[in-house]
Amino acid sequence: MSDTSTRAADPAQAVALAQLIADAFHDLPVCQWLVPDPDERRRVLPADFHILVRHALEHGTVVTSGGLDAVAVWYSGAPDAVPDIPDYDARVARACDPYTERFQLLDEAMHAAHPDGPPHEHLAFLAVRPGAQGRGLGSALLRRRHRVLDERGVPAYLEASSPRSRQLYLRHGYLDIGEPFATKGGPDPTMWPMWRDPA
């Protein structure tokens, strides 16, 4: 039986959480496009996700399941109040070489689709470890953060990365905004932009 309790992540867990996200996302079409070779993907994805998890631990909210089988990574005050990641381009190049250009193309597509306002919470990642999926862990993490956002009257935005995840978000009050988008040369579609107004 899964532990569906939730808690704030410890910064010391950043490497483990980046690995969790990489494991959960390994077979997504967009990740297969980013790094076609599966062994290389296992090397590159954790390093890239670690950059983003560390930034969210400083400028957002990172919540895990009790058993560290799931994580939600949120940025607060998007889009304008989230500071840029220092030396981001250089860090991505070090982490993702020789696939840097594809990661840059994905960043550009996501940036172009991101709504300008009002200020909102951005769910960058919701990941559940393979083998623990389908047990309500992702829903538990969503409910925890949505309670806070509803109390504060804050909307939320995300990009669903698969039809299955889109269905999950629809059940939690998100609606499609705009058309699904793809990266140049990537799988079509890659992402479904979605928005949730506070209850």
N, C-alpha and C. Protein backbone atom coordinates (compact mmCIF):
# COMPACT_ATOMS: atom_id res chain seq x y z
N MET A 1 0.85 -1.20 0.00
CA MET A 1 0.00 0.00 0.00
C MET A 1 0.88 1.24 0.00
N SER A 2 0.58 2.23 -0.83
CA SER A 2 1.41 3.42 -0.97
C SER A 2 1.19 4.38 0.19
N ASP A 3 2.27 5.08 0.55
CA ASP A 3 2.19 6.16 1.51
C ASP A 3 1.78 7.41 0.73
N THR A 4 0.55 7.88 0.94
CA THR A 4 0.06 9.04 0.20
C THR A 4 0.19 10.33 1.03
N SER A 5 0.94 10.27 2.15
CA SER A 5 1.22 11.50 2.88
C SER A 5 2.15 12.36 2.05
N THR A 6 2.14 13.66 2.31
CA THR A 6 2.97 14.60 1.56
C THR A 6 3.75 15.48 2.52
N ARG A 7 4.88 15.99 2.03
CA ARG A 7 5.71 16.85 2.86
C ARG A 7 6.58 17.74 1.98
N ALA A 8 7.03 18.83 2.54
CA ALA A 8 7.95 19.70 1.81
C ALA A 8 9.27 18.98 1.62
N ALA A 9 9.85 19.16 0.45
CA ALA A 9 11.12 18.50 0.15
C ALA A 9 12.26 19.17 0.91
N ASP A 10 13.25 18.39 1.23
CA ASP A 10 14.49 18.86 1.84
C ASP A 10 15.47 19.19 0.72
N PRO A 11 16.14 20.34 0.77
CA PRO A 11 17.13 20.64 -0.27
C PRO A 11 18.17 19.54 -0.47
N ALA A 12 18.45 18.78 0.57
CA ALA A 12 19.41 17.69 0.44
C ALA A 12 18.90 16.58 -0.46
N GLN A 13 17.61 16.60 -0.77
CA GLN A 13 17.02 15.57 -1.63
C GLN A 13 17.05 15.95 -3.11
N ALA A 14 17.66 17.06 -3.46
CA ALA A 14 17.58 17.57 -4.83
C ALA A 14 18.06 16.55 -5.86
N VAL A 15 19.17 15.90 -5.61
CA VAL A 15 19.71 14.93 -6.57
C VAL A 15 18.75 13.75 -6.71
N ALA A 16 18.25 13.25 -5.58
CA ALA A 16 17.33 12.12 -5.63
C ALA A 16 16.04 12.48 -6.34
N LEU A 17 15.55 13.70 -6.14
CA LEU A 17 14.31 14.11 -6.79
C LEU A 17 14.50 14.31 -8.29
N ALA A 18 15.65 14.84 -8.69
CA ALA A 18 15.94 14.96 -10.12
C ALA A 18 15.99 13.57 -10.76
N GLN A 19 16.54 12.61 -10.06
CA GLN A 19 16.59 11.24 -10.59
C GLN A 19 15.19 10.64 -10.68
N LEU A 20 14.35 10.92 -9.69
CA LEU A 20 12.96 10.45 -9.70
C LEU A 20 12.24 10.97 -10.94
N ILE A 21 12.39 12.27 -11.22
CA ILE A 21 11.73 12.86 -12.38
C ILE A 21 12.26 12.23 -13.67
N ALA A 22 13.57 12.04 -13.73
CA ALA A 22 14.16 11.43 -14.92
C ALA A 22 13.63 10.01 -15.14
N ASP A 23 13.51 9.25 -14.07
CA ASP A 23 12.98 7.89 -14.19
C ASP A 23 11.53 7.90 -14.66
N ALA A 24 10.73 8.83 -14.10
CA ALA A 24 9.31 8.89 -14.45
C ALA A 24 9.10 9.36 -15.89
N PHE A 25 9.97 10.24 -16.37
CA PHE A 25 9.81 10.85 -17.69
C PHE A 25 10.59 10.14 -18.79
N HIS A 26 11.32 9.11 -18.44
CA HIS A 26 12.27 8.50 -19.38
C HIS A 26 11.63 8.11 -20.70
N ASP A 27 10.41 7.57 -20.65
CA ASP A 27 9.78 7.06 -21.88
C ASP A 27 8.82 8.04 -22.53
N LEU A 28 8.70 9.26 -22.01
CA LEU A 28 7.83 10.24 -22.66
C LEU A 28 8.35 10.55 -24.06
N PRO A 29 7.44 10.73 -25.03
CA PRO A 29 7.90 11.04 -26.39
C PRO A 29 8.84 12.24 -26.46
N VAL A 30 8.56 13.28 -25.69
CA VAL A 30 9.42 14.46 -25.75
C VAL A 30 10.82 14.14 -25.24
N CYS A 31 10.93 13.30 -24.22
CA CYS A 31 12.25 12.96 -23.70
C CYS A 31 12.99 12.01 -24.65
N GLN A 32 12.24 11.15 -25.31
CA GLN A 32 12.88 10.31 -26.32
C GLN A 32 13.42 11.14 -27.48
N TRP A 33 12.71 12.23 -27.79
CA TRP A 33 13.21 13.13 -28.82
C TRP A 33 14.42 13.92 -28.33
N LEU A 34 14.36 14.40 -27.09
CA LEU A 34 15.48 15.17 -26.55
C LEU A 34 16.77 14.38 -26.60
N VAL A 35 16.70 13.13 -26.15
CA VAL A 35 17.90 12.26 -26.11
C VAL A 35 17.48 10.90 -26.64
N PRO A 36 17.66 10.63 -27.91
CA PRO A 36 17.14 9.40 -28.50
C PRO A 36 17.70 8.11 -27.90
N ASP A 37 18.96 8.08 -27.56
CA ASP A 37 19.55 6.87 -27.02
C ASP A 37 19.16 6.69 -25.55
N PRO A 38 18.54 5.56 -25.18
CA PRO A 38 18.04 5.41 -23.81
C PRO A 38 19.13 5.45 -22.74
N ASP A 39 20.30 4.92 -23.03
CA ASP A 39 21.38 4.98 -22.05
C ASP A 39 21.88 6.41 -21.85
N GLU A 40 22.01 7.14 -22.95
CA GLU A 40 22.38 8.55 -22.84
C GLU A 40 21.30 9.34 -22.10
N ARG A 41 20.04 8.99 -22.34
CA ARG A 41 18.94 9.68 -21.67
C ARG A 41 19.04 9.51 -20.16
N ARG A 42 19.43 8.33 -19.71
CA ARG A 42 19.58 8.10 -18.27
C ARG A 42 20.72 8.93 -17.68
N ARG A 43 21.67 9.30 -18.50
CA ARG A 43 22.78 10.15 -18.05
C ARG A 43 22.39 11.62 -18.04
N VAL A 44 21.71 12.05 -19.11
CA VAL A 44 21.49 13.49 -19.32
C VAL A 44 20.32 14.02 -18.52
N LEU A 45 19.19 13.33 -18.50
CA LEU A 45 17.99 13.89 -17.89
C LEU A 45 18.17 14.24 -16.42
N PRO A 46 18.76 13.38 -15.58
CA PRO A 46 18.90 13.77 -14.16
C PRO A 46 19.70 15.06 -13.99
N ALA A 47 20.74 15.24 -14.79
CA ALA A 47 21.56 16.44 -14.66
C ALA A 47 20.78 17.69 -15.04
N ASP A 48 19.97 17.59 -16.10
CA ASP A 48 19.16 18.74 -16.50
C ASP A 48 18.08 19.04 -15.46
N PHE A 49 17.38 18.01 -15.00
CA PHE A 49 16.31 18.23 -14.02
C PHE A 49 16.86 18.76 -12.70
N HIS A 50 18.09 18.40 -12.37
CA HIS A 50 18.67 18.88 -11.11
C HIS A 50 18.79 20.41 -11.11
N ILE A 51 19.12 21.00 -12.26
CA ILE A 51 19.21 22.46 -12.36
C ILE A 51 17.87 23.09 -11.97
N LEU A 52 16.78 22.53 -12.48
CA LEU A 52 15.45 23.11 -12.27
C LEU A 52 14.92 22.83 -10.87
N VAL A 53 15.20 21.65 -10.35
CA VAL A 53 14.75 21.33 -8.99
C VAL A 53 15.45 22.23 -7.98
N ARG A 54 16.76 22.41 -8.13
CA ARG A 54 17.49 23.28 -7.20
C ARG A 54 16.91 24.70 -7.23
N HIS A 55 16.59 25.20 -8.41
CA HIS A 55 16.05 26.55 -8.52
C HIS A 55 14.69 26.64 -7.85
N ALA A 56 13.85 25.62 -8.03
CA ALA A 56 12.53 25.63 -7.41
C ALA A 56 12.62 25.53 -5.89
N LEU A 57 13.60 24.83 -5.38
CA LEU A 57 13.77 24.76 -3.93
C LEU A 57 14.05 26.14 -3.34
N GLU A 58 14.64 27.03 -4.14
CA GLU A 58 14.94 28.39 -3.69
C GLU A 58 13.84 29.38 -4.02
N HIS A 59 13.10 29.13 -5.11
CA HIS A 59 12.16 30.13 -5.61
C HIS A 59 10.77 29.55 -5.88
N GLY A 60 10.42 28.53 -5.17
CA GLY A 60 9.12 27.93 -5.37
C GLY A 60 8.77 26.98 -4.25
N THR A 61 8.07 25.93 -4.60
CA THR A 61 7.63 24.93 -3.63
C THR A 61 7.86 23.55 -4.24
N VAL A 62 8.55 22.71 -3.50
CA VAL A 62 8.79 21.34 -3.95
C VAL A 62 8.24 20.42 -2.86
N VAL A 63 7.31 19.55 -3.26
CA VAL A 63 6.62 18.67 -2.31
C VAL A 63 6.81 17.23 -2.77
N THR A 64 7.01 16.34 -1.81
CA THR A 64 7.20 14.93 -2.13
C THR A 64 6.17 14.09 -1.40
N SER A 65 6.02 12.86 -1.86
CA SER A 65 5.22 11.88 -1.12
C SER A 65 6.06 11.35 0.03
N GLY A 66 5.37 10.78 1.01
CA GLY A 66 6.07 10.28 2.20
C GLY A 66 7.14 9.26 1.88
N GLY A 67 6.88 8.41 0.89
CA GLY A 67 7.85 7.39 0.53
C GLY A 67 8.85 7.83 -0.52
N LEU A 68 8.88 9.12 -0.86
CA LEU A 68 9.75 9.67 -1.88
C LEU A 68 9.55 8.96 -3.23
N ASP A 69 8.28 8.63 -3.51
CA ASP A 69 7.93 8.01 -4.78
C ASP A 69 7.33 9.01 -5.76
N ALA A 70 7.11 10.23 -5.33
CA ALA A 70 6.49 11.24 -6.20
C ALA A 70 6.95 12.62 -5.77
N VAL A 71 6.95 13.54 -6.74
CA VAL A 71 7.37 14.91 -6.45
C VAL A 71 6.57 15.87 -7.32
N ALA A 72 6.25 17.03 -6.76
CA ALA A 72 5.66 18.14 -7.50
C ALA A 72 6.58 19.35 -7.33
N VAL A 73 6.93 19.96 -8.45
CA VAL A 73 7.87 21.09 -8.47
C VAL A 73 7.14 22.30 -8.99
N TRP A 74 6.95 23.30 -8.12
CA TRP A 74 6.18 24.49 -8.45
C TRP A 74 7.08 25.73 -8.39
N TYR A 75 6.88 26.64 -9.34
CA TYR A 75 7.50 27.96 -9.28
C TYR A 75 6.43 28.97 -8.92
N SER A 76 6.74 29.85 -7.97
CA SER A 76 5.77 30.82 -7.47
C SER A 76 5.92 32.17 -8.17
N GLY A 77 4.78 32.83 -8.38
CA GLY A 77 4.79 34.18 -8.94
C GLY A 77 5.12 34.25 -10.42
N ALA A 78 4.89 33.15 -11.13
CA ALA A 78 5.18 33.16 -12.57
C ALA A 78 4.25 34.15 -13.29
N PRO A 79 4.65 34.71 -14.41
CA PRO A 79 5.97 34.50 -15.01
C PRO A 79 7.04 35.49 -14.56
N ASP A 80 6.64 36.66 -14.06
CA ASP A 80 7.61 37.74 -13.87
C ASP A 80 8.41 37.65 -12.58
N ALA A 81 7.85 37.03 -11.54
CA ALA A 81 8.52 37.03 -10.25
C ALA A 81 9.49 35.87 -10.07
N VAL A 82 9.60 35.00 -11.06
CA VAL A 82 10.55 33.89 -10.97
C VAL A 82 11.88 34.37 -11.54
N PRO A 83 12.92 34.46 -10.71
CA PRO A 83 14.21 34.95 -11.24
C PRO A 83 14.83 33.96 -12.22
N ASP A 84 15.64 34.49 -13.10
CA ASP A 84 16.36 33.63 -14.03
C ASP A 84 17.34 32.74 -13.27
N ILE A 85 17.59 31.58 -13.82
CA ILE A 85 18.60 30.68 -13.25
C ILE A 85 19.97 31.21 -13.63
N PRO A 86 20.84 31.47 -12.65
CA PRO A 86 22.18 31.99 -12.98
C PRO A 86 22.94 31.04 -13.90
N ASP A 87 23.56 31.61 -14.94
CA ASP A 87 24.39 30.84 -15.88
C ASP A 87 23.62 29.66 -16.48
N TYR A 88 22.32 29.88 -16.73
CA TYR A 88 21.48 28.76 -17.17
C TYR A 88 21.99 28.13 -18.46
N ASP A 89 22.29 28.94 -19.46
CA ASP A 89 22.70 28.39 -20.75
C ASP A 89 23.96 27.54 -20.61
N ALA A 90 24.92 28.04 -19.85
CA ALA A 90 26.17 27.29 -19.68
C ALA A 90 25.92 26.00 -18.89
N ARG A 91 25.05 26.07 -17.90
CA ARG A 91 24.78 24.87 -17.09
C ARG A 91 24.04 23.81 -17.90
N VAL A 92 23.09 24.25 -18.74
CA VAL A 92 22.39 23.30 -19.60
C VAL A 92 23.36 22.68 -20.60
N ALA A 93 24.26 23.49 -21.14
CA ALA A 93 25.23 22.96 -22.09
C ALA A 93 26.11 21.89 -21.44
N ARG A 94 26.53 22.14 -20.20
CA ARG A 94 27.36 21.14 -19.52
C ARG A 94 26.57 19.87 -19.24
N ALA A 95 25.31 20.03 -18.86
CA ALA A 95 24.50 18.88 -18.48
C ALA A 95 24.03 18.07 -19.68
N CYS A 96 23.76 18.75 -20.78
CA CYS A 96 23.02 18.12 -21.88
C CYS A 96 23.84 17.86 -23.14
N ASP A 97 25.06 18.33 -23.19
CA ASP A 97 25.89 18.10 -24.37
C ASP A 97 25.97 16.61 -24.70
N PRO A 98 25.77 16.21 -25.94
CA PRO A 98 25.69 16.98 -27.19
C PRO A 98 24.25 17.26 -27.65
N TYR A 99 23.30 17.25 -26.73
CA TYR A 99 21.89 17.40 -27.08
C TYR A 99 21.35 18.78 -26.72
N THR A 100 22.26 19.72 -26.44
CA THR A 100 21.87 21.03 -25.91
C THR A 100 20.86 21.74 -26.79
N GLU A 101 21.06 21.69 -28.11
CA GLU A 101 20.18 22.43 -29.01
C GLU A 101 18.73 21.97 -28.86
N ARG A 102 18.50 20.68 -28.66
CA ARG A 102 17.12 20.20 -28.52
C ARG A 102 16.50 20.71 -27.22
N PHE A 103 17.28 20.74 -26.15
CA PHE A 103 16.77 21.29 -24.90
C PHE A 103 16.46 22.78 -25.06
N GLN A 104 17.28 23.49 -25.80
CA GLN A 104 17.01 24.91 -26.04
C GLN A 104 15.73 25.11 -26.86
N LEU A 105 15.52 24.26 -27.85
CA LEU A 105 14.30 24.36 -28.65
C LEU A 105 13.05 24.09 -27.79
N LEU A 106 13.15 23.13 -26.89
CA LEU A 106 12.02 22.87 -25.99
C LEU A 106 11.77 24.06 -25.08
N ASP A 107 12.84 24.63 -24.51
CA ASP A 107 12.69 25.82 -23.67
C ASP A 107 12.00 26.94 -24.43
N GLU A 108 12.39 27.16 -25.69
CA GLU A 108 11.80 28.23 -26.49
C GLU A 108 10.31 27.98 -26.73
N ALA A 109 9.95 26.75 -27.04
CA ALA A 109 8.54 26.43 -27.29
C ALA A 109 7.71 26.61 -26.03
N MET A 110 8.24 26.19 -24.89
CA MET A 110 7.50 26.33 -23.64
C MET A 110 7.37 27.80 -23.25
N HIS A 111 8.43 28.56 -23.46
CA HIS A 111 8.37 29.99 -23.14
C HIS A 111 7.34 30.70 -24.00
N ALA A 112 7.28 30.35 -25.28
CA ALA A 112 6.33 31.00 -26.19
C ALA A 112 4.88 30.68 -25.82
N ALA A 113 4.64 29.49 -25.28
CA ALA A 113 3.28 29.09 -24.93
C ALA A 113 2.83 29.59 -23.57
N HIS A 114 3.79 29.99 -22.72
CA HIS A 114 3.47 30.36 -21.34
C HIS A 114 2.68 31.66 -21.31
N PRO A 115 1.52 31.69 -20.64
CA PRO A 115 0.73 32.93 -20.58
C PRO A 115 1.45 34.02 -19.80
N ASP A 116 1.20 35.27 -20.17
CA ASP A 116 1.87 36.40 -19.52
C ASP A 116 1.33 36.69 -18.14
N GLY A 117 0.08 36.44 -17.89
CA GLY A 117 -0.46 36.79 -16.59
C GLY A 117 -1.91 36.40 -16.51
N PRO A 118 -2.56 36.63 -15.39
CA PRO A 118 -2.06 37.25 -14.17
C PRO A 118 -1.01 36.39 -13.48
N PRO A 119 -0.38 36.93 -12.43
CA PRO A 119 0.61 36.12 -11.70
C PRO A 119 0.00 34.79 -11.27
N HIS A 120 0.79 33.73 -11.38
CA HIS A 120 0.25 32.40 -11.13
C HIS A 120 1.36 31.46 -10.66
N GLU A 121 0.96 30.33 -10.21
CA GLU A 121 1.87 29.26 -9.85
C GLU A 121 2.09 28.39 -11.09
N HIS A 122 3.34 28.02 -11.31
CA HIS A 122 3.67 27.18 -12.48
C HIS A 122 4.11 25.81 -12.00
N LEU A 123 3.34 24.80 -12.34
CA LEU A 123 3.72 23.42 -12.03
C LEU A 123 4.69 22.95 -13.12
N ALA A 124 5.97 22.97 -12.78
CA ALA A 124 6.99 22.59 -13.76
C ALA A 124 7.05 21.09 -13.95
N PHE A 125 6.91 20.32 -12.85
CA PHE A 125 6.98 18.87 -12.92
C PHE A 125 6.04 18.24 -11.91
N LEU A 126 5.35 17.22 -12.34
CA LEU A 126 4.66 16.30 -11.43
C LEU A 126 5.09 14.91 -11.89
N ALA A 127 5.83 14.22 -11.05
CA ALA A 127 6.42 12.95 -11.45
C ALA A 127 6.18 11.89 -10.38
N VAL A 128 5.84 10.70 -10.83
CA VAL A 128 5.65 9.55 -9.95
C VAL A 128 6.55 8.43 -10.45
N ARG A 129 7.28 7.86 -9.55
CA ARG A 129 8.24 6.81 -9.90
C ARG A 129 7.54 5.64 -10.61
N PRO A 130 8.13 5.11 -11.66
CA PRO A 130 7.55 3.91 -12.28
C PRO A 130 7.41 2.80 -11.23
N GLY A 131 6.29 2.12 -11.28
CA GLY A 131 6.00 1.11 -10.27
C GLY A 131 5.13 1.63 -9.15
N ALA A 132 5.10 2.96 -8.99
CA ALA A 132 4.23 3.58 -7.97
C ALA A 132 3.12 4.38 -8.62
N GLN A 133 3.04 4.36 -9.94
CA GLN A 133 2.02 5.15 -10.63
C GLN A 133 0.65 4.48 -10.52
N GLY A 134 -0.39 5.32 -10.60
CA GLY A 134 -1.76 4.81 -10.52
C GLY A 134 -2.24 4.56 -9.12
N ARG A 135 -1.54 5.05 -8.11
CA ARG A 135 -1.90 4.82 -6.71
C ARG A 135 -2.35 6.08 -5.99
N GLY A 136 -2.53 7.16 -6.74
CA GLY A 136 -3.04 8.39 -6.14
C GLY A 136 -1.99 9.33 -5.60
N LEU A 137 -0.71 9.04 -5.84
CA LEU A 137 0.34 9.90 -5.28
C LEU A 137 0.35 11.27 -5.95
N GLY A 138 0.23 11.29 -7.28
CA GLY A 138 0.20 12.58 -7.97
C GLY A 138 -1.00 13.41 -7.56
N SER A 139 -2.14 12.77 -7.42
CA SER A 139 -3.34 13.50 -6.99
C SER A 139 -3.17 14.07 -5.58
N ALA A 140 -2.53 13.31 -4.70
CA ALA A 140 -2.31 13.80 -3.33
C ALA A 140 -1.43 15.04 -3.34
N LEU A 141 -0.41 15.06 -4.18
CA LEU A 141 0.46 16.23 -4.26
C LEU A 141 -0.28 17.42 -4.85
N LEU A 142 -1.11 17.19 -5.86
CA LEU A 142 -1.89 18.28 -6.43
C LEU A 142 -2.86 18.86 -5.40
N ARG A 143 -3.57 18.00 -4.70
CA ARG A 143 -4.54 18.49 -3.71
C ARG A 143 -3.87 19.33 -2.64
N ARG A 144 -2.68 18.91 -2.21
CA ARG A 144 -1.98 19.67 -1.17
C ARG A 144 -1.71 21.10 -1.63
N ARG A 145 -1.18 21.25 -2.82
CA ARG A 145 -0.84 22.60 -3.29
C ARG A 145 -2.08 23.39 -3.68
N HIS A 146 -3.07 22.73 -4.25
CA HIS A 146 -4.29 23.44 -4.65
C HIS A 146 -5.01 24.04 -3.45
N ARG A 147 -4.97 23.36 -2.31
CA ARG A 147 -5.60 23.93 -1.10
C ARG A 147 -4.99 25.28 -0.77
N VAL A 148 -3.67 25.37 -0.86
CA VAL A 148 -2.97 26.63 -0.57
C VAL A 148 -3.32 27.68 -1.62
N LEU A 149 -3.30 27.30 -2.86
CA LEU A 149 -3.58 28.26 -3.92
C LEU A 149 -5.02 28.75 -3.86
N ASP A 150 -5.95 27.87 -3.52
CA ASP A 150 -7.35 28.29 -3.40
C ASP A 150 -7.53 29.28 -2.26
N GLU A 151 -6.85 29.03 -1.14
CA GLU A 151 -6.93 29.96 -0.01
C GLU A 151 -6.39 31.34 -0.37
N ARG A 152 -5.37 31.37 -1.22
CA ARG A 152 -4.73 32.62 -1.59
C ARG A 152 -5.32 33.25 -2.86
N GLY A 153 -6.23 32.53 -3.52
CA GLY A 153 -6.82 33.03 -4.75
C GLY A 153 -5.84 33.08 -5.92
N VAL A 154 -4.94 32.10 -5.98
CA VAL A 154 -3.87 32.09 -6.99
C VAL A 154 -4.17 31.04 -8.06
N PRO A 155 -4.17 31.40 -9.34
CA PRO A 155 -4.35 30.40 -10.41
C PRO A 155 -3.06 29.61 -10.63
N ALA A 156 -3.18 28.55 -11.43
CA ALA A 156 -2.03 27.70 -11.71
C ALA A 156 -1.97 27.39 -13.20
N TYR A 157 -0.74 27.17 -13.66
CA TYR A 157 -0.49 26.85 -15.07
C TYR A 157 0.45 25.66 -15.13
N LEU A 158 0.31 24.86 -16.19
CA LEU A 158 1.22 23.74 -16.41
C LEU A 158 1.20 23.37 -17.88
N GLU A 159 2.16 22.53 -18.25
CA GLU A 159 2.18 21.93 -19.59
C GLU A 159 2.10 20.42 -19.39
N ALA A 160 0.99 19.82 -19.78
CA ALA A 160 0.87 18.36 -19.71
C ALA A 160 1.73 17.75 -20.82
N SER A 161 2.46 16.70 -20.47
CA SER A 161 3.42 16.14 -21.43
C SER A 161 2.97 14.82 -22.03
N SER A 162 1.73 14.42 -21.74
CA SER A 162 1.19 13.20 -22.35
C SER A 162 -0.33 13.26 -22.26
N PRO A 163 -1.03 12.52 -23.11
CA PRO A 163 -2.49 12.48 -22.98
C PRO A 163 -2.94 11.97 -21.62
N ARG A 164 -2.21 11.03 -21.04
CA ARG A 164 -2.58 10.49 -19.73
C ARG A 164 -2.48 11.56 -18.65
N SER A 165 -1.39 12.33 -18.65
CA SER A 165 -1.26 13.37 -17.64
C SER A 165 -2.29 14.48 -17.87
N ARG A 166 -2.60 14.77 -19.12
CA ARG A 166 -3.64 15.77 -19.39
C ARG A 166 -4.96 15.35 -18.77
N GLN A 167 -5.32 14.08 -18.87
CA GLN A 167 -6.56 13.61 -18.26
C GLN A 167 -6.54 13.77 -16.75
N LEU A 168 -5.40 13.52 -16.12
CA LEU A 168 -5.27 13.73 -14.67
C LEU A 168 -5.54 15.18 -14.32
N TYR A 169 -4.94 16.09 -15.06
CA TYR A 169 -5.10 17.51 -14.75
C TYR A 169 -6.52 17.99 -15.01
N LEU A 170 -7.16 17.46 -16.03
CA LEU A 170 -8.56 17.81 -16.26
C LEU A 170 -9.41 17.42 -15.06
N ARG A 171 -9.13 16.28 -14.46
CA ARG A 171 -9.89 15.84 -13.28
C ARG A 171 -9.66 16.75 -12.08
N HIS A 172 -8.54 17.48 -12.08
CA HIS A 172 -8.23 18.36 -10.95
C HIS A 172 -8.52 19.82 -11.27
N GLY A 173 -9.36 20.07 -12.27
CA GLY A 173 -9.85 21.42 -12.49
C GLY A 173 -9.10 22.24 -13.50
N TYR A 174 -8.11 21.66 -14.18
CA TYR A 174 -7.39 22.39 -15.22
C TYR A 174 -8.17 22.34 -16.52
N LEU A 175 -8.01 23.38 -17.33
CA LEU A 175 -8.63 23.45 -18.64
C LEU A 175 -7.55 23.75 -19.68
N ASP A 176 -7.77 23.26 -20.90
CA ASP A 176 -6.84 23.57 -21.98
C ASP A 176 -6.89 25.06 -22.29
N ILE A 177 -5.74 25.64 -22.53
CA ILE A 177 -5.68 27.03 -23.01
C ILE A 177 -4.80 27.03 -24.26
N GLY A 178 -5.34 27.53 -25.33
CA GLY A 178 -4.58 27.52 -26.57
C GLY A 178 -4.47 26.12 -27.15
N GLU A 179 -3.68 26.01 -28.18
CA GLU A 179 -3.50 24.74 -28.88
C GLU A 179 -2.30 23.99 -28.31
N PRO A 180 -2.32 22.66 -28.40
CA PRO A 180 -1.10 21.92 -28.07
C PRO A 180 0.06 22.42 -28.92
N PHE A 181 1.26 22.35 -28.35
CA PHE A 181 2.41 22.86 -29.09
C PHE A 181 3.51 21.82 -29.13
N ALA A 182 4.37 21.97 -30.13
CA ALA A 182 5.49 21.06 -30.32
C ALA A 182 6.76 21.85 -30.48
N THR A 183 7.87 21.19 -30.24
CA THR A 183 9.16 21.80 -30.54
C THR A 183 9.46 21.64 -32.02
N LYS A 184 10.27 22.50 -32.55
CA LYS A 184 10.68 22.40 -33.95
C LYS A 184 11.43 21.09 -34.16
N GLY A 185 10.86 20.23 -34.99
CA GLY A 185 11.49 18.94 -35.26
C GLY A 185 11.18 17.88 -34.23
N GLY A 186 10.38 18.23 -33.20
CA GLY A 186 10.07 17.28 -32.15
C GLY A 186 8.77 16.54 -32.39
N PRO A 187 8.37 15.68 -31.44
CA PRO A 187 7.10 14.96 -31.58
C PRO A 187 5.93 15.92 -31.56
N ASP A 188 4.88 15.57 -32.26
CA ASP A 188 3.75 16.50 -32.44
C ASP A 188 2.47 15.83 -31.96
N PRO A 189 1.76 16.39 -30.93
CA PRO A 189 2.20 17.53 -30.14
C PRO A 189 3.08 17.07 -28.98
N THR A 190 3.82 18.02 -28.45
CA THR A 190 4.67 17.74 -27.30
C THR A 190 3.95 18.04 -26.00
N MET A 191 3.30 19.18 -25.91
CA MET A 191 2.74 19.69 -24.66
C MET A 191 1.34 20.24 -24.86
N TRP A 192 0.54 20.11 -23.80
CA TRP A 192 -0.79 20.70 -23.75
C TRP A 192 -0.80 21.77 -22.66
N PRO A 193 -0.84 23.07 -23.01
CA PRO A 193 -0.88 24.10 -21.97
C PRO A 193 -2.23 24.11 -21.28
N MET A 194 -2.21 24.21 -19.93
CA MET A 194 -3.45 24.10 -19.15
C MET A 194 -3.44 25.11 -18.01
N TRP A 195 -4.64 25.53 -17.61
CA TRP A 195 -4.81 26.60 -16.62
C TRP A 195 -5.88 26.18 -15.62
N ARG A 196 -5.65 26.53 -14.36
CA ARG A 196 -6.64 26.26 -13.31
C ARG A 196 -6.90 27.53 -12.52
N ASP A 197 -8.14 28.00 -12.51
CA ASP A 197 -8.51 29.13 -11.66
C ASP A 197 -8.73 28.61 -10.23
N PRO A 198 -8.45 29.45 -9.24
CA PRO A 198 -8.66 29.00 -7.85
C PRO A 198 -10.14 28.73 -7.58
N ALA A 199 -10.39 27.73 -6.78
CA ALA A 199 -11.77 27.36 -6.44
C ALA A 199 -12.33 28.38 -5.47
